[in-house]
Amino acid sequence: MTMRTLMVPAAEAAARVMRAVPADRLDAPTPCPDWDVRALVNHMIFWSGRAEGAAHKLPPPAEPGPDHDFTADGDWAELYAAHVHKAAEAWSEPAAWEGTTNLTGQGDMPATFIGGIVFVECVLHGWDLAAATGQRTAFRDDVVRAAYEHIERTADTGRKYGAFGPEVAVPGTAPLFDRLLGLTGRDPHWEPRRS
């Protein structure tokens, strides 16, 4: 199974987490340094909204910008679900992974690289959001394995560009999802601070 064929189940699992985020937890901390739940939700909505266009090789829209607060616009959980579903469907097409495309507005990159980002964001930020709001993630085993195999090849590049923190040591006998999290600088046992 490839990331392309697993886009939809990865997106569906992330959307389930988003739908279960309590509105009164938007100010809670997350495993992402310097981001509360609101910032993470906004990040996920913003980039999933651009991901569909990138699959179709369309230029990124100028608005809304990355600082837009989608949580002030109404049903942000359903907005994310709609965005990520459309993005996953678009990236499920083989043509999406061919040639180059633009996700950020900073120039074209290989479509395979962008597709990998879209896939891994569902898995990693789905977990971040779940951990921050006391949920359990339910990513399929094949989704976790595809994410791990991708991150295993790209983690050094991710750290170089600040997408991942320093690797967190996780025993080789730990569940694969825990080892995936460790590769990306996440502590699999992270919990919100107690006041």
N, C-alpha and C. Protein backbone atom coordinates (compact mmCIF):
# COMPACT_ATOMS: atom_id res chain seq x y z
N MET A 1 0.85 -1.19 0.00
CA MET A 1 0.00 0.00 0.00
C MET A 1 0.89 1.25 0.00
N THR A 2 0.50 2.23 -0.78
CA THR A 2 1.26 3.48 -0.85
C THR A 2 0.51 4.58 -0.13
N MET A 3 1.19 5.69 0.10
CA MET A 3 0.52 6.84 0.71
C MET A 3 -0.67 7.27 -0.14
N ARG A 4 -0.53 7.19 -1.45
CA ARG A 4 -1.63 7.61 -2.32
C ARG A 4 -2.90 6.82 -2.03
N THR A 5 -2.77 5.52 -1.93
CA THR A 5 -3.96 4.69 -1.72
C THR A 5 -4.48 4.75 -0.29
N LEU A 6 -3.70 5.35 0.61
CA LEU A 6 -4.10 5.43 2.02
C LEU A 6 -4.48 6.84 2.44
N MET A 7 -4.52 7.76 1.49
CA MET A 7 -4.85 9.15 1.81
C MET A 7 -6.22 9.27 2.48
N VAL A 8 -7.22 8.61 1.93
CA VAL A 8 -8.58 8.77 2.45
C VAL A 8 -8.70 8.24 3.88
N PRO A 9 -8.24 7.01 4.19
CA PRO A 9 -8.35 6.58 5.59
C PRO A 9 -7.55 7.44 6.56
N ALA A 10 -6.40 7.97 6.12
CA ALA A 10 -5.63 8.86 6.99
C ALA A 10 -6.42 10.14 7.26
N ALA A 11 -7.01 10.71 6.23
CA ALA A 11 -7.79 11.93 6.37
C ALA A 11 -9.04 11.70 7.22
N GLU A 12 -9.69 10.58 7.02
CA GLU A 12 -10.90 10.29 7.79
C GLU A 12 -10.60 10.17 9.28
N ALA A 13 -9.48 9.54 9.61
CA ALA A 13 -9.11 9.41 11.02
C ALA A 13 -8.80 10.76 11.63
N ALA A 14 -8.08 11.62 10.88
CA ALA A 14 -7.79 12.96 11.39
C ALA A 14 -9.07 13.77 11.56
N ALA A 15 -10.00 13.64 10.64
CA ALA A 15 -11.27 14.36 10.73
C ALA A 15 -12.07 13.92 11.95
N ARG A 16 -12.03 12.63 12.27
CA ARG A 16 -12.74 12.14 13.47
C ARG A 16 -12.18 12.79 14.72
N VAL A 17 -10.86 12.93 14.79
CA VAL A 17 -10.24 13.59 15.94
C VAL A 17 -10.71 15.04 16.00
N MET A 18 -10.66 15.74 14.88
CA MET A 18 -11.04 17.15 14.85
C MET A 18 -12.49 17.32 15.31
N ARG A 19 -13.37 16.47 14.85
CA ARG A 19 -14.79 16.59 15.22
C ARG A 19 -15.02 16.39 16.71
N ALA A 20 -14.11 15.69 17.38
CA ALA A 20 -14.28 15.41 18.80
C ALA A 20 -13.55 16.40 19.71
N VAL A 21 -12.98 17.46 19.13
CA VAL A 21 -12.28 18.47 19.93
C VAL A 21 -13.32 19.34 20.63
N PRO A 22 -13.32 19.39 21.96
CA PRO A 22 -14.27 20.26 22.66
C PRO A 22 -13.91 21.73 22.44
N ALA A 23 -14.90 22.55 22.20
CA ALA A 23 -14.67 23.98 21.96
C ALA A 23 -13.98 24.64 23.15
N ASP A 24 -14.19 24.11 24.35
CA ASP A 24 -13.57 24.73 25.53
C ASP A 24 -12.13 24.30 25.74
N ARG A 25 -11.58 23.53 24.79
CA ARG A 25 -10.17 23.11 24.89
C ARG A 25 -9.27 23.84 23.90
N LEU A 26 -9.79 24.87 23.25
CA LEU A 26 -8.99 25.55 22.21
C LEU A 26 -7.76 26.25 22.77
N ASP A 27 -7.75 26.58 24.04
CA ASP A 27 -6.58 27.22 24.64
C ASP A 27 -5.64 26.23 25.31
N ALA A 28 -5.92 24.95 25.20
CA ALA A 28 -5.08 23.93 25.84
C ALA A 28 -3.76 23.77 25.10
N PRO A 29 -2.72 23.34 25.81
CA PRO A 29 -1.42 23.11 25.16
C PRO A 29 -1.46 21.87 24.27
N THR A 30 -0.52 21.79 23.35
CA THR A 30 -0.38 20.63 22.47
C THR A 30 1.07 20.14 22.50
N PRO A 31 1.34 18.98 21.92
CA PRO A 31 2.73 18.52 21.83
C PRO A 31 3.59 19.39 20.91
N CYS A 32 2.98 20.27 20.12
CA CYS A 32 3.72 21.16 19.23
C CYS A 32 4.17 22.39 20.01
N PRO A 33 5.46 22.60 20.19
CA PRO A 33 5.93 23.74 20.98
C PRO A 33 5.35 25.06 20.47
N ASP A 34 4.90 25.87 21.40
CA ASP A 34 4.38 27.22 21.10
C ASP A 34 3.01 27.22 20.44
N TRP A 35 2.36 26.09 20.29
CA TRP A 35 1.02 26.04 19.71
C TRP A 35 0.03 25.53 20.73
N ASP A 36 -1.06 26.25 20.90
CA ASP A 36 -2.18 25.70 21.64
C ASP A 36 -3.10 24.98 20.66
N VAL A 37 -4.21 24.43 21.16
CA VAL A 37 -5.11 23.69 20.28
C VAL A 37 -5.64 24.58 19.17
N ARG A 38 -5.99 25.82 19.48
CA ARG A 38 -6.51 26.74 18.46
C ARG A 38 -5.50 26.91 17.32
N ALA A 39 -4.25 27.12 17.66
CA ALA A 39 -3.22 27.31 16.62
C ALA A 39 -3.06 26.04 15.78
N LEU A 40 -3.11 24.88 16.42
CA LEU A 40 -2.99 23.62 15.69
C LEU A 40 -4.19 23.41 14.77
N VAL A 41 -5.39 23.67 15.28
CA VAL A 41 -6.60 23.55 14.46
C VAL A 41 -6.50 24.46 13.24
N ASN A 42 -6.09 25.71 13.47
CA ASN A 42 -5.97 26.66 12.36
C ASN A 42 -4.94 26.20 11.34
N HIS A 43 -3.82 25.68 11.82
CA HIS A 43 -2.77 25.17 10.93
C HIS A 43 -3.33 24.03 10.06
N MET A 44 -4.03 23.11 10.69
CA MET A 44 -4.57 21.97 9.95
C MET A 44 -5.60 22.39 8.92
N ILE A 45 -6.46 23.33 9.27
CA ILE A 45 -7.47 23.80 8.32
C ILE A 45 -6.81 24.55 7.17
N PHE A 46 -5.88 25.42 7.48
CA PHE A 46 -5.23 26.23 6.44
C PHE A 46 -4.53 25.35 5.40
N TRP A 47 -3.71 24.41 5.86
CA TRP A 47 -2.93 23.62 4.91
C TRP A 47 -3.77 22.57 4.19
N SER A 48 -4.77 22.01 4.87
CA SER A 48 -5.64 21.07 4.17
C SER A 48 -6.44 21.79 3.10
N GLY A 49 -6.77 23.06 3.35
CA GLY A 49 -7.48 23.84 2.34
C GLY A 49 -6.66 24.10 1.10
N ARG A 50 -5.36 24.16 1.24
CA ARG A 50 -4.47 24.37 0.09
C ARG A 50 -4.09 23.06 -0.62
N ALA A 51 -4.22 21.96 0.11
CA ALA A 51 -3.70 20.69 -0.41
C ALA A 51 -4.46 20.20 -1.63
N GLU A 52 -5.77 20.42 -1.69
CA GLU A 52 -6.52 19.97 -2.86
C GLU A 52 -6.02 20.66 -4.12
N GLY A 53 -5.85 21.98 -4.06
CA GLY A 53 -5.36 22.72 -5.22
C GLY A 53 -3.98 22.26 -5.65
N ALA A 54 -3.13 21.94 -4.66
CA ALA A 54 -1.78 21.47 -5.00
C ALA A 54 -1.84 20.16 -5.77
N ALA A 55 -2.79 19.29 -5.41
CA ALA A 55 -2.93 18.03 -6.14
C ALA A 55 -3.31 18.26 -7.59
N HIS A 56 -4.08 19.33 -7.82
CA HIS A 56 -4.52 19.66 -9.19
C HIS A 56 -3.56 20.61 -9.91
N LYS A 57 -2.42 20.88 -9.27
CA LYS A 57 -1.38 21.76 -9.83
C LYS A 57 -1.87 23.21 -9.98
N LEU A 58 -2.74 23.64 -9.08
CA LEU A 58 -3.24 25.02 -9.09
C LEU A 58 -2.39 25.87 -8.16
N PRO A 59 -2.22 27.16 -8.45
CA PRO A 59 -1.45 28.01 -7.55
C PRO A 59 -2.19 28.20 -6.23
N PRO A 60 -1.46 28.35 -5.13
CA PRO A 60 -2.12 28.55 -3.84
C PRO A 60 -2.92 29.85 -3.82
N PRO A 61 -4.08 29.87 -3.19
CA PRO A 61 -4.86 31.11 -3.10
C PRO A 61 -4.17 32.13 -2.20
N ALA A 62 -4.43 33.40 -2.45
CA ALA A 62 -3.84 34.45 -1.62
C ALA A 62 -4.53 34.55 -0.26
N GLU A 63 -5.81 34.26 -0.23
CA GLU A 63 -6.58 34.36 1.01
C GLU A 63 -7.35 33.07 1.25
N PRO A 64 -7.61 32.72 2.49
CA PRO A 64 -7.15 33.39 3.70
C PRO A 64 -5.67 33.12 3.94
N GLY A 65 -5.05 33.97 4.73
CA GLY A 65 -3.65 33.81 5.05
C GLY A 65 -3.43 32.84 6.20
N PRO A 66 -2.17 32.50 6.45
CA PRO A 66 -1.87 31.52 7.50
C PRO A 66 -2.20 31.99 8.91
N ASP A 67 -2.43 33.29 9.09
CA ASP A 67 -2.77 33.80 10.42
C ASP A 67 -4.28 33.91 10.64
N HIS A 68 -5.07 33.43 9.70
CA HIS A 68 -6.53 33.51 9.82
C HIS A 68 -7.02 32.60 10.95
N ASP A 69 -7.96 33.08 11.76
CA ASP A 69 -8.52 32.27 12.84
C ASP A 69 -9.81 31.61 12.37
N PHE A 70 -9.69 30.40 11.90
CA PHE A 70 -10.86 29.66 11.42
C PHE A 70 -11.81 29.31 12.55
N THR A 71 -11.30 29.25 13.78
CA THR A 71 -12.17 28.88 14.89
C THR A 71 -13.19 29.98 15.21
N ALA A 72 -12.99 31.16 14.63
CA ALA A 72 -13.95 32.25 14.83
C ALA A 72 -15.02 32.27 13.75
N ASP A 73 -14.93 31.37 12.79
CA ASP A 73 -15.81 31.40 11.61
C ASP A 73 -17.01 30.48 11.69
N GLY A 74 -17.20 29.78 12.80
CA GLY A 74 -18.33 28.86 12.87
C GLY A 74 -17.89 27.44 13.06
N ASP A 75 -18.40 26.52 12.24
CA ASP A 75 -18.14 25.10 12.44
C ASP A 75 -16.79 24.71 11.84
N TRP A 76 -15.75 25.00 12.56
CA TRP A 76 -14.39 24.77 12.08
C TRP A 76 -14.08 23.27 11.95
N ALA A 77 -14.67 22.43 12.77
CA ALA A 77 -14.40 21.00 12.67
C ALA A 77 -14.93 20.44 11.35
N GLU A 78 -16.12 20.87 10.96
CA GLU A 78 -16.67 20.40 9.68
C GLU A 78 -15.94 21.04 8.50
N LEU A 79 -15.44 22.26 8.68
CA LEU A 79 -14.64 22.89 7.63
C LEU A 79 -13.38 22.06 7.39
N TYR A 80 -12.72 21.67 8.47
CA TYR A 80 -11.54 20.82 8.30
C TYR A 80 -11.90 19.50 7.64
N ALA A 81 -12.97 18.87 8.11
CA ALA A 81 -13.37 17.58 7.55
C ALA A 81 -13.61 17.69 6.04
N ALA A 82 -14.26 18.77 5.63
CA ALA A 82 -14.52 18.96 4.20
C ALA A 82 -13.23 19.19 3.44
N HIS A 83 -12.36 20.05 3.97
CA HIS A 83 -11.08 20.33 3.31
C HIS A 83 -10.23 19.06 3.17
N VAL A 84 -10.08 18.35 4.28
CA VAL A 84 -9.16 17.22 4.26
C VAL A 84 -9.72 16.07 3.42
N HIS A 85 -11.04 15.93 3.37
CA HIS A 85 -11.64 14.90 2.51
C HIS A 85 -11.38 15.22 1.03
N LYS A 86 -11.62 16.47 0.63
CA LYS A 86 -11.36 16.86 -0.76
C LYS A 86 -9.89 16.70 -1.12
N ALA A 87 -9.01 17.08 -0.18
CA ALA A 87 -7.58 16.95 -0.42
C ALA A 87 -7.20 15.48 -0.59
N ALA A 88 -7.72 14.63 0.30
CA ALA A 88 -7.39 13.20 0.23
C ALA A 88 -7.88 12.58 -1.07
N GLU A 89 -9.08 12.93 -1.49
CA GLU A 89 -9.61 12.41 -2.75
C GLU A 89 -8.72 12.85 -3.92
N ALA A 90 -8.31 14.12 -3.91
CA ALA A 90 -7.47 14.64 -4.99
C ALA A 90 -6.11 13.95 -5.02
N TRP A 91 -5.52 13.74 -3.84
CA TRP A 91 -4.21 13.11 -3.77
C TRP A 91 -4.28 11.59 -3.94
N SER A 92 -5.48 11.04 -4.02
CA SER A 92 -5.63 9.61 -4.31
C SER A 92 -5.46 9.31 -5.79
N GLU A 93 -5.46 10.35 -6.60
CA GLU A 93 -5.31 10.18 -8.05
C GLU A 93 -3.82 10.10 -8.43
N PRO A 94 -3.44 9.15 -9.26
CA PRO A 94 -2.02 9.02 -9.63
C PRO A 94 -1.42 10.30 -10.21
N ALA A 95 -2.20 11.06 -10.98
CA ALA A 95 -1.67 12.26 -11.62
C ALA A 95 -1.21 13.31 -10.60
N ALA A 96 -1.80 13.28 -9.42
CA ALA A 96 -1.42 14.25 -8.40
C ALA A 96 0.05 14.11 -8.01
N TRP A 97 0.58 12.92 -8.10
CA TRP A 97 1.93 12.62 -7.65
C TRP A 97 2.98 12.80 -8.75
N GLU A 98 2.55 13.26 -9.92
CA GLU A 98 3.47 13.43 -11.04
C GLU A 98 3.95 14.87 -11.13
N GLY A 99 5.19 15.06 -11.58
CA GLY A 99 5.72 16.39 -11.83
C GLY A 99 5.94 17.19 -10.56
N THR A 100 5.67 18.48 -10.66
CA THR A 100 5.88 19.38 -9.52
C THR A 100 4.57 20.11 -9.21
N THR A 101 4.53 20.70 -8.03
CA THR A 101 3.37 21.49 -7.65
C THR A 101 3.78 22.48 -6.57
N ASN A 102 2.85 23.33 -6.18
CA ASN A 102 3.16 24.41 -5.23
C ASN A 102 2.12 24.41 -4.13
N LEU A 103 2.56 24.21 -2.91
CA LEU A 103 1.68 24.23 -1.75
C LEU A 103 1.80 25.53 -0.97
N THR A 104 3.00 26.10 -0.95
CA THR A 104 3.29 27.22 -0.05
C THR A 104 3.27 28.59 -0.71
N GLY A 105 3.34 28.63 -2.04
CA GLY A 105 3.49 29.92 -2.71
C GLY A 105 4.95 30.33 -2.84
N GLN A 106 5.86 29.48 -2.37
CA GLN A 106 7.29 29.79 -2.42
C GLN A 106 8.01 29.09 -3.56
N GLY A 107 7.27 28.52 -4.48
CA GLY A 107 7.90 27.84 -5.61
C GLY A 107 7.50 26.38 -5.68
N ASP A 108 7.70 25.80 -6.86
CA ASP A 108 7.32 24.41 -7.09
C ASP A 108 8.28 23.45 -6.40
N MET A 109 7.74 22.33 -6.00
CA MET A 109 8.52 21.24 -5.41
C MET A 109 8.00 19.94 -6.03
N PRO A 110 8.75 18.85 -5.90
CA PRO A 110 8.25 17.58 -6.44
C PRO A 110 6.90 17.23 -5.81
N ALA A 111 5.97 16.80 -6.63
CA ALA A 111 4.63 16.46 -6.14
C ALA A 111 4.70 15.31 -5.13
N THR A 112 5.64 14.40 -5.31
CA THR A 112 5.77 13.30 -4.35
C THR A 112 6.12 13.82 -2.96
N PHE A 113 6.92 14.88 -2.90
CA PHE A 113 7.29 15.48 -1.62
C PHE A 113 6.07 16.13 -0.97
N ILE A 114 5.32 16.89 -1.76
CA ILE A 114 4.12 17.57 -1.25
C ILE A 114 3.08 16.55 -0.81
N GLY A 115 2.87 15.50 -1.61
CA GLY A 115 1.92 14.47 -1.24
C GLY A 115 2.29 13.80 0.08
N GLY A 116 3.57 13.60 0.28
CA GLY A 116 4.04 13.03 1.55
C GLY A 116 3.72 13.94 2.72
N ILE A 117 3.89 15.24 2.52
CA ILE A 117 3.56 16.20 3.59
C ILE A 117 2.08 16.11 3.94
N VAL A 118 1.24 16.11 2.91
CA VAL A 118 -0.22 16.07 3.13
C VAL A 118 -0.59 14.82 3.93
N PHE A 119 -0.03 13.68 3.56
CA PHE A 119 -0.33 12.42 4.23
C PHE A 119 0.14 12.44 5.69
N VAL A 120 1.40 12.81 5.88
CA VAL A 120 1.98 12.77 7.22
C VAL A 120 1.33 13.80 8.14
N GLU A 121 0.91 14.94 7.60
CA GLU A 121 0.23 15.93 8.44
C GLU A 121 -1.04 15.35 9.05
N CYS A 122 -1.78 14.57 8.29
CA CYS A 122 -2.99 13.94 8.84
C CYS A 122 -2.64 13.07 10.04
N VAL A 123 -1.60 12.27 9.89
CA VAL A 123 -1.24 11.31 10.94
C VAL A 123 -0.64 12.02 12.15
N LEU A 124 0.37 12.84 11.92
CA LEU A 124 1.07 13.47 13.05
C LEU A 124 0.20 14.50 13.75
N HIS A 125 -0.41 15.40 12.99
CA HIS A 125 -1.23 16.41 13.65
C HIS A 125 -2.54 15.83 14.16
N GLY A 126 -3.00 14.73 13.55
CA GLY A 126 -4.13 14.02 14.13
C GLY A 126 -3.79 13.53 15.53
N TRP A 127 -2.57 12.98 15.68
CA TRP A 127 -2.14 12.53 17.01
C TRP A 127 -1.94 13.72 17.94
N ASP A 128 -1.29 14.78 17.46
CA ASP A 128 -1.07 15.97 18.29
C ASP A 128 -2.39 16.46 18.88
N LEU A 129 -3.39 16.55 18.03
CA LEU A 129 -4.70 17.07 18.45
C LEU A 129 -5.37 16.10 19.42
N ALA A 130 -5.25 14.82 19.15
CA ALA A 130 -5.83 13.82 20.05
C ALA A 130 -5.16 13.87 21.42
N ALA A 131 -3.83 13.92 21.43
CA ALA A 131 -3.11 13.96 22.70
C ALA A 131 -3.48 15.20 23.51
N ALA A 132 -3.66 16.31 22.82
CA ALA A 132 -3.96 17.58 23.50
C ALA A 132 -5.37 17.61 24.08
N THR A 133 -6.25 16.79 23.56
CA THR A 133 -7.66 16.84 23.97
C THR A 133 -8.15 15.54 24.60
N GLY A 134 -7.21 14.69 25.00
CA GLY A 134 -7.57 13.48 25.73
C GLY A 134 -8.24 12.41 24.91
N GLN A 135 -7.95 12.38 23.62
CA GLN A 135 -8.54 11.37 22.74
C GLN A 135 -7.52 10.27 22.42
N ARG A 136 -8.05 9.17 21.94
CA ARG A 136 -7.20 8.10 21.39
C ARG A 136 -7.29 8.18 19.88
N THR A 137 -6.16 8.03 19.22
CA THR A 137 -6.19 8.02 17.75
C THR A 137 -6.54 6.62 17.27
N ALA A 138 -7.09 6.56 16.08
CA ALA A 138 -7.48 5.27 15.51
C ALA A 138 -7.02 5.18 14.06
N PHE A 139 -5.73 5.41 13.83
CA PHE A 139 -5.18 5.26 12.49
C PHE A 139 -4.95 3.78 12.19
N ARG A 140 -5.34 3.37 11.02
CA ARG A 140 -5.15 1.99 10.61
C ARG A 140 -3.67 1.62 10.63
N ASP A 141 -3.39 0.34 10.85
CA ASP A 141 -2.00 -0.12 10.90
C ASP A 141 -1.26 0.17 9.60
N ASP A 142 -1.94 0.01 8.45
CA ASP A 142 -1.26 0.26 7.18
C ASP A 142 -0.96 1.74 6.98
N VAL A 143 -1.80 2.61 7.54
CA VAL A 143 -1.54 4.05 7.48
C VAL A 143 -0.31 4.39 8.33
N VAL A 144 -0.26 3.83 9.52
CA VAL A 144 0.89 4.08 10.41
C VAL A 144 2.17 3.57 9.78
N ARG A 145 2.12 2.38 9.18
CA ARG A 145 3.33 1.83 8.55
C ARG A 145 3.80 2.69 7.39
N ALA A 146 2.87 3.15 6.56
CA ALA A 146 3.25 4.01 5.43
C ALA A 146 3.85 5.32 5.93
N ALA A 147 3.28 5.89 6.99
CA ALA A 147 3.83 7.13 7.54
C ALA A 147 5.22 6.89 8.11
N TYR A 148 5.40 5.79 8.82
CA TYR A 148 6.71 5.47 9.39
C TYR A 148 7.76 5.30 8.30
N GLU A 149 7.42 4.54 7.28
CA GLU A 149 8.39 4.31 6.21
C GLU A 149 8.76 5.60 5.51
N HIS A 150 7.80 6.49 5.34
CA HIS A 150 8.08 7.78 4.72
C HIS A 150 8.98 8.64 5.62
N ILE A 151 8.61 8.73 6.90
CA ILE A 151 9.38 9.56 7.84
C ILE A 151 10.77 9.01 8.05
N GLU A 152 10.91 7.70 8.05
CA GLU A 152 12.23 7.09 8.22
C GLU A 152 13.20 7.59 7.13
N ARG A 153 12.66 7.82 5.93
CA ARG A 153 13.49 8.30 4.81
C ARG A 153 13.69 9.82 4.85
N THR A 154 12.77 10.55 5.46
CA THR A 154 12.78 12.02 5.33
C THR A 154 12.98 12.77 6.64
N ALA A 155 13.15 12.07 7.76
CA ALA A 155 13.22 12.75 9.06
C ALA A 155 14.38 13.74 9.14
N ASP A 156 15.53 13.37 8.59
CA ASP A 156 16.69 14.29 8.67
C ASP A 156 16.39 15.60 7.93
N THR A 157 15.75 15.49 6.77
CA THR A 157 15.37 16.70 6.03
C THR A 157 14.35 17.50 6.82
N GLY A 158 13.39 16.82 7.43
CA GLY A 158 12.39 17.51 8.24
C GLY A 158 13.02 18.26 9.40
N ARG A 159 14.01 17.66 10.05
CA ARG A 159 14.70 18.34 11.15
C ARG A 159 15.51 19.53 10.63
N LYS A 160 16.13 19.35 9.47
CA LYS A 160 16.94 20.42 8.89
C LYS A 160 16.12 21.68 8.66
N TYR A 161 14.86 21.50 8.24
CA TYR A 161 14.01 22.64 7.94
C TYR A 161 13.06 23.01 9.08
N GLY A 162 13.27 22.41 10.25
CA GLY A 162 12.50 22.80 11.42
C GLY A 162 11.10 22.21 11.51
N ALA A 163 10.78 21.26 10.62
CA ALA A 163 9.45 20.63 10.69
C ALA A 163 9.36 19.65 11.85
N PHE A 164 10.50 19.04 12.22
CA PHE A 164 10.55 18.09 13.32
C PHE A 164 11.59 18.55 14.33
N GLY A 165 11.34 18.19 15.58
CA GLY A 165 12.33 18.44 16.62
C GLY A 165 13.36 17.33 16.66
N PRO A 166 14.31 17.43 17.58
CA PRO A 166 15.30 16.36 17.73
C PRO A 166 14.61 15.04 18.04
N GLU A 167 15.17 13.96 17.53
CA GLU A 167 14.55 12.65 17.73
C GLU A 167 14.44 12.33 19.21
N VAL A 168 13.30 11.79 19.60
CA VAL A 168 13.07 11.31 20.96
C VAL A 168 13.34 9.81 20.96
N ALA A 169 14.21 9.37 21.88
CA ALA A 169 14.56 7.95 21.93
C ALA A 169 13.34 7.12 22.33
N VAL A 170 13.03 6.15 21.49
CA VAL A 170 11.92 5.23 21.75
C VAL A 170 12.46 3.82 21.53
N PRO A 171 12.20 2.90 22.46
CA PRO A 171 12.74 1.53 22.31
C PRO A 171 12.28 0.89 21.00
N GLY A 172 13.15 0.08 20.41
CA GLY A 172 12.82 -0.61 19.18
C GLY A 172 11.69 -1.61 19.34
N THR A 173 11.38 -1.96 20.59
CA THR A 173 10.28 -2.89 20.85
C THR A 173 8.95 -2.16 21.04
N ALA A 174 8.97 -0.83 21.01
CA ALA A 174 7.75 -0.04 21.22
C ALA A 174 6.84 -0.18 20.00
N PRO A 175 5.54 0.12 20.16
CA PRO A 175 4.64 0.10 19.00
C PRO A 175 5.16 1.01 17.89
N LEU A 176 4.83 0.65 16.66
CA LEU A 176 5.34 1.41 15.51
C LEU A 176 4.92 2.87 15.57
N PHE A 177 3.70 3.15 16.03
CA PHE A 177 3.25 4.55 16.11
C PHE A 177 4.14 5.32 17.08
N ASP A 178 4.52 4.71 18.20
CA ASP A 178 5.41 5.39 19.15
C ASP A 178 6.75 5.68 18.50
N ARG A 179 7.27 4.73 17.72
CA ARG A 179 8.56 4.95 17.05
C ARG A 179 8.44 6.03 15.99
N LEU A 180 7.29 6.10 15.31
CA LEU A 180 7.04 7.18 14.35
C LEU A 180 7.07 8.52 15.05
N LEU A 181 6.39 8.62 16.19
CA LEU A 181 6.36 9.88 16.93
C LEU A 181 7.76 10.27 17.38
N GLY A 182 8.52 9.32 17.88
CA GLY A 182 9.88 9.62 18.31
C GLY A 182 10.75 10.15 17.19
N LEU A 183 10.61 9.57 15.99
CA LEU A 183 11.39 10.04 14.83
C LEU A 183 11.12 11.51 14.53
N THR A 184 9.90 11.96 14.81
CA THR A 184 9.53 13.34 14.48
C THR A 184 9.70 14.29 15.67
N GLY A 185 10.37 13.81 16.72
CA GLY A 185 10.64 14.67 17.86
C GLY A 185 9.51 14.76 18.86
N ARG A 186 8.59 13.81 18.81
CA ARG A 186 7.45 13.81 19.73
C ARG A 186 7.64 12.74 20.80
N ASP A 187 7.22 13.07 22.00
CA ASP A 187 7.22 12.10 23.09
C ASP A 187 5.91 11.34 23.04
N PRO A 188 5.93 10.03 22.78
CA PRO A 188 4.68 9.28 22.69
C PRO A 188 3.84 9.32 23.96
N HIS A 189 4.47 9.67 25.08
CA HIS A 189 3.75 9.69 26.36
C HIS A 189 3.39 11.11 26.79
N TRP A 190 3.46 12.05 25.85
CA TRP A 190 3.13 13.44 26.17
C TRP A 190 1.70 13.55 26.69
N GLU A 191 1.51 14.37 27.71
CA GLU A 191 0.18 14.67 28.22
C GLU A 191 0.10 16.17 28.49
N PRO A 192 -1.11 16.75 28.40
CA PRO A 192 -1.24 18.18 28.72
C PRO A 192 -0.80 18.46 30.16
N ARG A 193 -0.24 19.63 30.36
CA ARG A 193 0.12 20.05 31.73
C ARG A 193 -1.14 20.15 32.57
N ARG A 194 -1.02 19.73 33.79
CA ARG A 194 -2.14 19.85 34.72
C ARG A 194 -2.02 21.16 35.50
N SER A 195 -3.12 21.90 35.60
CA SER A 195 -3.05 23.17 36.33
C SER A 195 -3.28 22.92 37.81
